[in-house]
Amino acid sequence: MIQNSDNLELTWEEQGNYAFPYEGVQLHLHGMAAEQAWVDGTEVNYQGKVLECNRFQQVRFRLFETNQ
């Protein structure tokens, strides 16, 4: 995970040859807000604080400041 003032980047790393047992994943943002998201370089529909997606190599959020 890498964060700077404008972006949060998550990289999925795995080891071994194991089947992924779930249909997808939910990424919940706490303590920050994002206005855009990209999964493996493709912009995706993102609203609220939860991103639902399949397995990925990289997810990037464009952050904006909130008054929380």
PDB file of N, CA and C in Angstrom:
ATOM      1  N   MET A   1       0.849  -1.163   0.000  1.00  0.00           N
ATOM      2  CA  MET A   1       0.000   0.000   0.000  1.00  0.00           C
ATOM      3  C   MET A   1       0.896   1.227   0.000  1.00  0.00           C
ATOM      4  N   ILE A   2       0.576   2.170  -0.872  1.00  0.00           N
ATOM      5  CA  ILE A   2       1.300   3.435  -0.974  1.00  0.00           C
ATOM      6  C   ILE A   2       0.268   4.553  -0.943  1.00  0.00           C
ATOM      7  N   GLN A   3       0.481   5.548  -0.086  1.00  0.00           N
ATOM      8  CA  GLN A   3      -0.432   6.681  -0.020  1.00  0.00           C
ATOM      9  C   GLN A   3       0.357   7.972  -0.062  1.00  0.00           C
ATOM     10  N   ASN A   4      -0.150   8.917  -0.857  1.00  0.00           N
ATOM     11  CA  ASN A   4       0.361  10.285  -0.810  1.00  0.00           C
ATOM     12  C   ASN A   4      -0.837  11.201  -0.683  1.00  0.00           C
ATOM     13  N   SER A   5      -0.671  12.477  -0.849  1.00  0.00           N
ATOM     14  CA  SER A   5      -1.776  13.416  -0.619  1.00  0.00           C
ATOM     15  C   SER A   5      -2.930  13.243  -1.598  1.00  0.00           C
ATOM     16  N   ASP A   6      -2.684  12.699  -2.782  1.00  0.00           N
ATOM     17  CA  ASP A   6      -3.719  12.603  -3.812  1.00  0.00           C
ATOM     18  C   ASP A   6      -4.182  11.185  -4.128  1.00  0.00           C
ATOM     19  N   ASN A   7      -3.402  10.169  -3.779  1.00  0.00           N
ATOM     20  CA  ASN A   7      -3.702   8.808  -4.213  1.00  0.00           C
ATOM     21  C   ASN A   7      -3.452   7.782  -3.112  1.00  0.00           C
ATOM     22  N   LEU A   8      -4.204   6.695  -3.208  1.00  0.00           N
ATOM     23  CA  LEU A   8      -3.967   5.509  -2.399  1.00  0.00           C
ATOM     24  C   LEU A   8      -3.864   4.348  -3.378  1.00  0.00           C
ATOM     25  N   GLU A   9      -2.779   3.617  -3.309  1.00  0.00           N
ATOM     26  CA  GLU A   9      -2.537   2.514  -4.245  1.00  0.00           C
ATOM     27  C   GLU A   9      -2.377   1.212  -3.460  1.00  0.00           C
ATOM     28  N   LEU A  10      -3.162   0.209  -3.840  1.00  0.00           N
ATOM     29  CA  LEU A  10      -3.099  -1.113  -3.216  1.00  0.00           C
ATOM     30  C   LEU A  10      -2.611  -2.116  -4.253  1.00  0.00           C
ATOM     31  N   THR A  11      -1.676  -2.951  -3.850  1.00  0.00           N
ATOM     32  CA  THR A  11      -1.162  -3.993  -4.727  1.00  0.00           C
ATOM     33  C   THR A  11      -1.465  -5.342  -4.091  1.00  0.00           C
ATOM     34  N   TRP A  12      -2.053  -6.245  -4.882  1.00  0.00           N
ATOM     35  CA  TRP A  12      -2.394  -7.576  -4.407  1.00  0.00           C
ATOM     36  C   TRP A  12      -1.219  -8.499  -4.688  1.00  0.00           C
ATOM     37  N   GLU A  13      -0.716  -9.107  -3.638  1.00  0.00           N
ATOM     38  CA  GLU A  13       0.361 -10.072  -3.784  1.00  0.00           C
ATOM     39  C   GLU A  13      -0.105 -11.395  -3.215  1.00  0.00           C
ATOM     40  N   GLU A  14       0.253 -12.484  -3.890  1.00  0.00           N
ATOM     41  CA  GLU A  14      -0.107 -13.801  -3.394  1.00  0.00           C
ATOM     42  C   GLU A  14       1.019 -14.777  -3.682  1.00  0.00           C
ATOM     43  N   GLN A  15       1.041 -15.838  -2.911  1.00  0.00           N
ATOM     44  CA  GLN A  15       2.055 -16.868  -3.081  1.00  0.00           C
ATOM     45  C   GLN A  15       1.364 -18.219  -3.114  1.00  0.00           C
ATOM     46  N   GLY A  16       1.973 -19.151  -3.803  1.00  0.00           N
ATOM     47  CA  GLY A  16       1.410 -20.494  -3.879  1.00  0.00           C
ATOM     48  C   GLY A  16       0.414 -20.619  -5.007  1.00  0.00           C
ATOM     49  N   ASN A  17       0.009 -21.826  -5.268  1.00  0.00           N
ATOM     50  CA  ASN A  17      -0.927 -22.115  -6.352  1.00  0.00           C
ATOM     51  C   ASN A  17      -2.253 -22.563  -5.747  1.00  0.00           C
ATOM     52  N   TYR A  18      -2.957 -21.603  -5.118  1.00  0.00           N
ATOM     53  CA  TYR A  18      -4.203 -21.902  -4.440  1.00  0.00           C
ATOM     54  C   TYR A  18      -5.355 -21.213  -5.162  1.00  0.00           C
ATOM     55  N   ALA A  19      -6.468 -21.900  -5.249  1.00  0.00           N
ATOM     56  CA  ALA A  19      -7.662 -21.320  -5.872  1.00  0.00           C
ATOM     57  C   ALA A  19      -8.225 -20.234  -4.957  1.00  0.00           C
ATOM     58  N   PHE A  20      -8.653 -19.121  -5.552  1.00  0.00           N
ATOM     59  CA  PHE A  20      -9.277 -18.051  -4.785  1.00  0.00           C
ATOM     60  C   PHE A  20     -10.718 -18.465  -4.503  1.00  0.00           C
ATOM     61  N   PRO A  21     -11.141 -18.576  -3.239  1.00  0.00           N
ATOM     62  CA  PRO A  21     -12.442 -19.168  -2.926  1.00  0.00           C
ATOM     63  C   PRO A  21     -13.645 -18.232  -3.015  1.00  0.00           C
ATOM     64  N   TYR A  22     -13.447 -16.972  -3.377  1.00  0.00           N
ATOM     65  CA  TYR A  22     -14.541 -16.005  -3.356  1.00  0.00           C
ATOM     66  C   TYR A  22     -14.843 -15.495  -4.763  1.00  0.00           C
ATOM     67  N   GLU A  23     -16.075 -15.012  -4.942  1.00  0.00           N
ATOM     68  CA  GLU A  23     -16.464 -14.447  -6.237  1.00  0.00           C
ATOM     69  C   GLU A  23     -15.834 -13.088  -6.460  1.00  0.00           C
ATOM     70  N   GLY A  24     -15.589 -12.359  -5.403  1.00  0.00           N
ATOM     71  CA  GLY A  24     -15.006 -11.029  -5.514  1.00  0.00           C
ATOM     72  C   GLY A  24     -14.585 -10.531  -4.153  1.00  0.00           C
ATOM     73  N   VAL A  25     -14.163  -9.275  -4.099  1.00  0.00           N
ATOM     74  CA  VAL A  25     -13.744  -8.650  -2.852  1.00  0.00           C
ATOM     75  C   VAL A  25     -14.400  -7.280  -2.727  1.00  0.00           C
ATOM     76  N   GLN A  26     -14.511  -6.821  -1.501  1.00  0.00           N
ATOM     77  CA  GLN A  26     -14.990  -5.476  -1.220  1.00  0.00           C
ATOM     78  C   GLN A  26     -13.877  -4.730  -0.509  1.00  0.00           C
ATOM     79  N   LEU A  27     -13.524  -3.580  -1.026  1.00  0.00           N
ATOM     80  CA  LEU A  27     -12.527  -2.715  -0.395  1.00  0.00           C
ATOM     81  C   LEU A  27     -13.266  -1.553   0.254  1.00  0.00           C
ATOM     82  N   HIS A  28     -13.124  -1.417   1.572  1.00  0.00           N
ATOM     83  CA  HIS A  28     -13.792  -0.365   2.336  1.00  0.00           C
ATOM     84  C   HIS A  28     -12.773   0.691   2.727  1.00  0.00           C
ATOM     85  N   LEU A  29     -13.054   1.945   2.414  1.00  0.00           N
ATOM     86  CA  LEU A  29     -12.183   3.050   2.816  1.00  0.00           C
ATOM     87  C   LEU A  29     -12.697   3.637   4.123  1.00  0.00           C
ATOM     88  N   HIS A  30     -11.810   3.780   5.091  1.00  0.00           N
ATOM     89  CA  HIS A  30     -12.149   4.389   6.377  1.00  0.00           C
ATOM     90  C   HIS A  30     -11.195   5.548   6.626  1.00  0.00           C
ATOM     91  N   GLY A  31     -11.742   6.674   7.059  1.00  0.00           N
ATOM     92  CA  GLY A  31     -10.896   7.815   7.398  1.00  0.00           C
ATOM     93  C   GLY A  31     -10.415   8.611   6.207  1.00  0.00           C
ATOM     94  N   MET A  32     -10.911   8.305   5.031  1.00  0.00           N
ATOM     95  CA  MET A  32     -10.551   9.050   3.824  1.00  0.00           C
ATOM     96  C   MET A  32     -11.688   8.918   2.825  1.00  0.00           C
ATOM     97  N   ALA A  33     -11.700   9.762   1.830  1.00  0.00           N
ATOM     98  CA  ALA A  33     -12.718   9.717   0.791  1.00  0.00           C
ATOM     99  C   ALA A  33     -12.049   9.752  -0.569  1.00  0.00           C
ATOM    100  N   ALA A  34     -12.638   9.057  -1.512  1.00  0.00           N
ATOM    101  CA  ALA A  34     -12.091   9.006  -2.868  1.00  0.00           C
ATOM    102  C   ALA A  34     -13.152   9.444  -3.862  1.00  0.00           C
ATOM    103  N   GLU A  35     -12.679  10.052  -4.947  1.00  0.00           N
ATOM    104  CA  GLU A  35     -13.602  10.504  -5.989  1.00  0.00           C
ATOM    105  C   GLU A  35     -13.529   9.643  -7.243  1.00  0.00           C
ATOM    106  N   GLN A  36     -12.450   8.887  -7.418  1.00  0.00           N
ATOM    107  CA  GLN A  36     -12.288   8.020  -8.578  1.00  0.00           C
ATOM    108  C   GLN A  36     -11.506   6.792  -8.165  1.00  0.00           C
ATOM    109  N   ALA A  37     -11.705   5.700  -8.947  1.00  0.00           N
ATOM    110  CA  ALA A  37     -10.949   4.472  -8.681  1.00  0.00           C
ATOM    111  C   ALA A  37     -10.607   3.795  -9.997  1.00  0.00           C
ATOM    112  N   TRP A  38      -9.458   3.123 -10.009  1.00  0.00           N
ATOM    113  CA  TRP A  38      -8.997   2.353 -11.161  1.00  0.00           C
ATOM    114  C   TRP A  38      -8.615   0.958 -10.685  1.00  0.00           C
ATOM    115  N   VAL A  39      -9.019  -0.053 -11.409  1.00  0.00           N
ATOM    116  CA  VAL A  39      -8.622  -1.429 -11.130  1.00  0.00           C
ATOM    117  C   VAL A  39      -7.791  -1.892 -12.312  1.00  0.00           C
ATOM    118  N   ASP A  40      -6.554  -2.226 -12.067  1.00  0.00           N
ATOM    119  CA  ASP A  40      -5.621  -2.654 -13.110  1.00  0.00           C
ATOM    120  C   ASP A  40      -5.589  -1.681 -14.282  1.00  0.00           C
ATOM    121  N   GLY A  41      -5.608  -0.379 -13.953  1.00  0.00           N
ATOM    122  CA  GLY A  41      -5.484   0.670 -14.965  1.00  0.00           C
ATOM    123  C   GLY A  41      -6.773   1.082 -15.642  1.00  0.00           C
ATOM    124  N   THR A  42      -7.879   0.409 -15.346  1.00  0.00           N
ATOM    125  CA  THR A  42      -9.165   0.734 -15.959  1.00  0.00           C
ATOM    126  C   THR A  42     -10.049   1.451 -14.947  1.00  0.00           C
ATOM    127  N   GLU A  43     -10.555   2.620 -15.323  1.00  0.00           N
ATOM    128  CA  GLU A  43     -11.435   3.360 -14.419  1.00  0.00           C
ATOM    129  C   GLU A  43     -12.711   2.559 -14.180  1.00  0.00           C
ATOM    130  N   VAL A  44     -13.140   2.516 -12.924  1.00  0.00           N
ATOM    131  CA  VAL A  44     -14.337   1.761 -12.559  1.00  0.00           C
ATOM    132  C   VAL A  44     -15.319   2.676 -11.857  1.00  0.00           C
ATOM    133  N   ASN A  45     -16.571   2.250 -11.809  1.00  0.00           N
ATOM    134  CA  ASN A  45     -17.611   3.001 -11.124  1.00  0.00           C
ATOM    135  C   ASN A  45     -17.378   2.902  -9.624  1.00  0.00           C
ATOM    136  N   TYR A  46     -17.193   4.029  -8.982  1.00  0.00           N
ATOM    137  CA  TYR A  46     -16.940   4.048  -7.543  1.00  0.00           C
ATOM    138  C   TYR A  46     -17.799   5.124  -6.915  1.00  0.00           C
ATOM    139  N   GLN A  47     -18.621   4.709  -5.964  1.00  0.00           N
ATOM    140  CA  GLN A  47     -19.450   5.668  -5.230  1.00  0.00           C
ATOM    141  C   GLN A  47     -19.473   5.243  -3.776  1.00  0.00           C
ATOM    142  N   GLY A  48     -19.409   6.195  -2.904  1.00  0.00           N
ATOM    143  CA  GLY A  48     -19.423   5.878  -1.483  1.00  0.00           C
ATOM    144  C   GLY A  48     -18.055   5.505  -0.982  1.00  0.00           C
ATOM    145  N   LYS A  49     -17.998   4.526  -0.075  1.00  0.00           N
ATOM    146  CA  LYS A  49     -16.727   4.135   0.529  1.00  0.00           C
ATOM    147  C   LYS A  49     -16.411   2.669   0.303  1.00  0.00           C
ATOM    148  N   VAL A  50     -17.129   2.001  -0.595  1.00  0.00           N
ATOM    149  CA  VAL A  50     -16.898   0.578  -0.840  1.00  0.00           C
ATOM    150  C   VAL A  50     -16.704   0.346  -2.336  1.00  0.00           C
ATOM    151  N   LEU A  51     -15.630  -0.341  -2.676  1.00  0.00           N
ATOM    152  CA  LEU A  51     -15.378  -0.738  -4.058  1.00  0.00           C
ATOM    153  C   LEU A  51     -15.515  -2.255  -4.130  1.00  0.00           C
ATOM    154  N   GLU A  52     -16.414  -2.734  -4.974  1.00  0.00           N
ATOM    155  CA  GLU A  52     -16.567  -4.163  -5.202  1.00  0.00           C
ATOM    156  C   GLU A  52     -15.872  -4.515  -6.508  1.00  0.00           C
ATOM    157  N   CYS A  53     -15.005  -5.523  -6.460  1.00  0.00           N
ATOM    158  CA  CYS A  53     -14.265  -5.916  -7.655  1.00  0.00           C
ATOM    159  C   CYS A  53     -13.849  -7.371  -7.548  1.00  0.00           C
ATOM    160  N   ASN A  54     -13.288  -7.864  -8.623  1.00  0.00           N
ATOM    161  CA  ASN A  54     -12.713  -9.202  -8.645  1.00  0.00           C
ATOM    162  C   ASN A  54     -11.250  -9.106  -8.229  1.00  0.00           C
ATOM    163  N   ARG A  55     -10.553 -10.210  -8.305  1.00  0.00           N
ATOM    164  CA  ARG A  55      -9.119 -10.181  -8.013  1.00  0.00           C
ATOM    165  C   ARG A  55      -8.447  -9.140  -8.893  1.00  0.00           C
ATOM    166  N   PHE A  56      -7.398  -8.543  -8.394  1.00  0.00           N
ATOM    167  CA  PHE A  56      -6.723  -7.466  -9.109  1.00  0.00           C
ATOM    168  C   PHE A  56      -5.236  -7.536  -8.844  1.00  0.00           C
ATOM    169  N   GLN A  57      -4.484  -6.840  -9.658  1.00  0.00           N
ATOM    170  CA  GLN A  57      -3.058  -6.649  -9.388  1.00  0.00           C
ATOM    171  C   GLN A  57      -2.834  -5.323  -8.672  1.00  0.00           C
ATOM    172  N   GLN A  58      -3.601  -4.288  -9.101  1.00  0.00           N
ATOM    173  CA  GLN A  58      -3.446  -2.966  -8.508  1.00  0.00           C
ATOM    174  C   GLN A  58      -4.785  -2.231  -8.509  1.00  0.00           C
ATOM    175  N   VAL A  59      -5.071  -1.573  -7.400  1.00  0.00           N
ATOM    176  CA  VAL A  59      -6.213  -0.659  -7.305  1.00  0.00           C
ATOM    177  C   VAL A  59      -5.660   0.682  -6.873  1.00  0.00           C
ATOM    178  N   ARG A  60      -6.144   1.732  -7.539  1.00  0.00           N
ATOM    179  CA  ARG A  60      -5.716   3.090  -7.178  1.00  0.00           C
ATOM    180  C   ARG A  60      -6.939   3.952  -6.963  1.00  0.00           C
ATOM    181  N   PHE A  61      -6.952   4.691  -5.880  1.00  0.00           N
ATOM    182  CA  PHE A  61      -8.011   5.643  -5.571  1.00  0.00           C
ATOM    183  C   PHE A  61      -7.444   7.051  -5.665  1.00  0.00           C
ATOM    184  N   ARG A  62      -8.203   7.963  -6.261  1.00  0.00           N
ATOM    185  CA  ARG A  62      -7.854   9.388  -6.207  1.00  0.00           C
ATOM    186  C   ARG A  62      -8.589   9.954  -5.010  1.00  0.00           C
ATOM    187  N   LEU A  63      -7.838  10.472  -4.045  1.00  0.00           N
ATOM    188  CA  LEU A  63      -8.392  10.946  -2.786  1.00  0.00           C
ATOM    189  C   LEU A  63      -8.715  12.424  -2.837  1.00  0.00           C
ATOM    190  N   PHE A  64      -9.646  12.820  -1.971  1.00  0.00           N
ATOM    191  CA  PHE A  64      -9.878  14.247  -1.743  1.00  0.00           C
ATOM    192  C   PHE A  64     -10.083  14.448  -0.262  1.00  0.00           C
ATOM    193  N   GLU A  65      -9.800  15.635   0.197  1.00  0.00           N
ATOM    194  CA  GLU A  65      -9.877  15.929   1.631  1.00  0.00           C
ATOM    195  C   GLU A  65     -11.324  16.091   2.053  1.00  0.00           C
ATOM    196  N   THR A  66     -11.600  15.620   3.267  1.00  0.00           N
ATOM    197  CA  THR A  66     -12.913  15.802   3.868  1.00  0.00           C
ATOM    198  C   THR A  66     -12.738  16.510   5.206  1.00  0.00           C
ATOM    199  N   ASN A  67     -13.799  16.976   5.742  1.00  0.00           N
ATOM    200  CA  ASN A  67     -13.758  17.666   7.035  1.00  0.00           C
ATOM    201  C   ASN A  67     -14.188  16.737   8.162  1.00  0.00           C
ATOM    202  N   GLN A  68     -13.818  15.469   8.099  1.00  0.00           N
ATOM    203  CA  GLN A  68     -14.216  14.515   9.140  1.00  0.00           C
ATOM    204  C   GLN A  68     -13.367  14.663  10.354  1.00  0.00           C
TER     205      GLN A  68
END
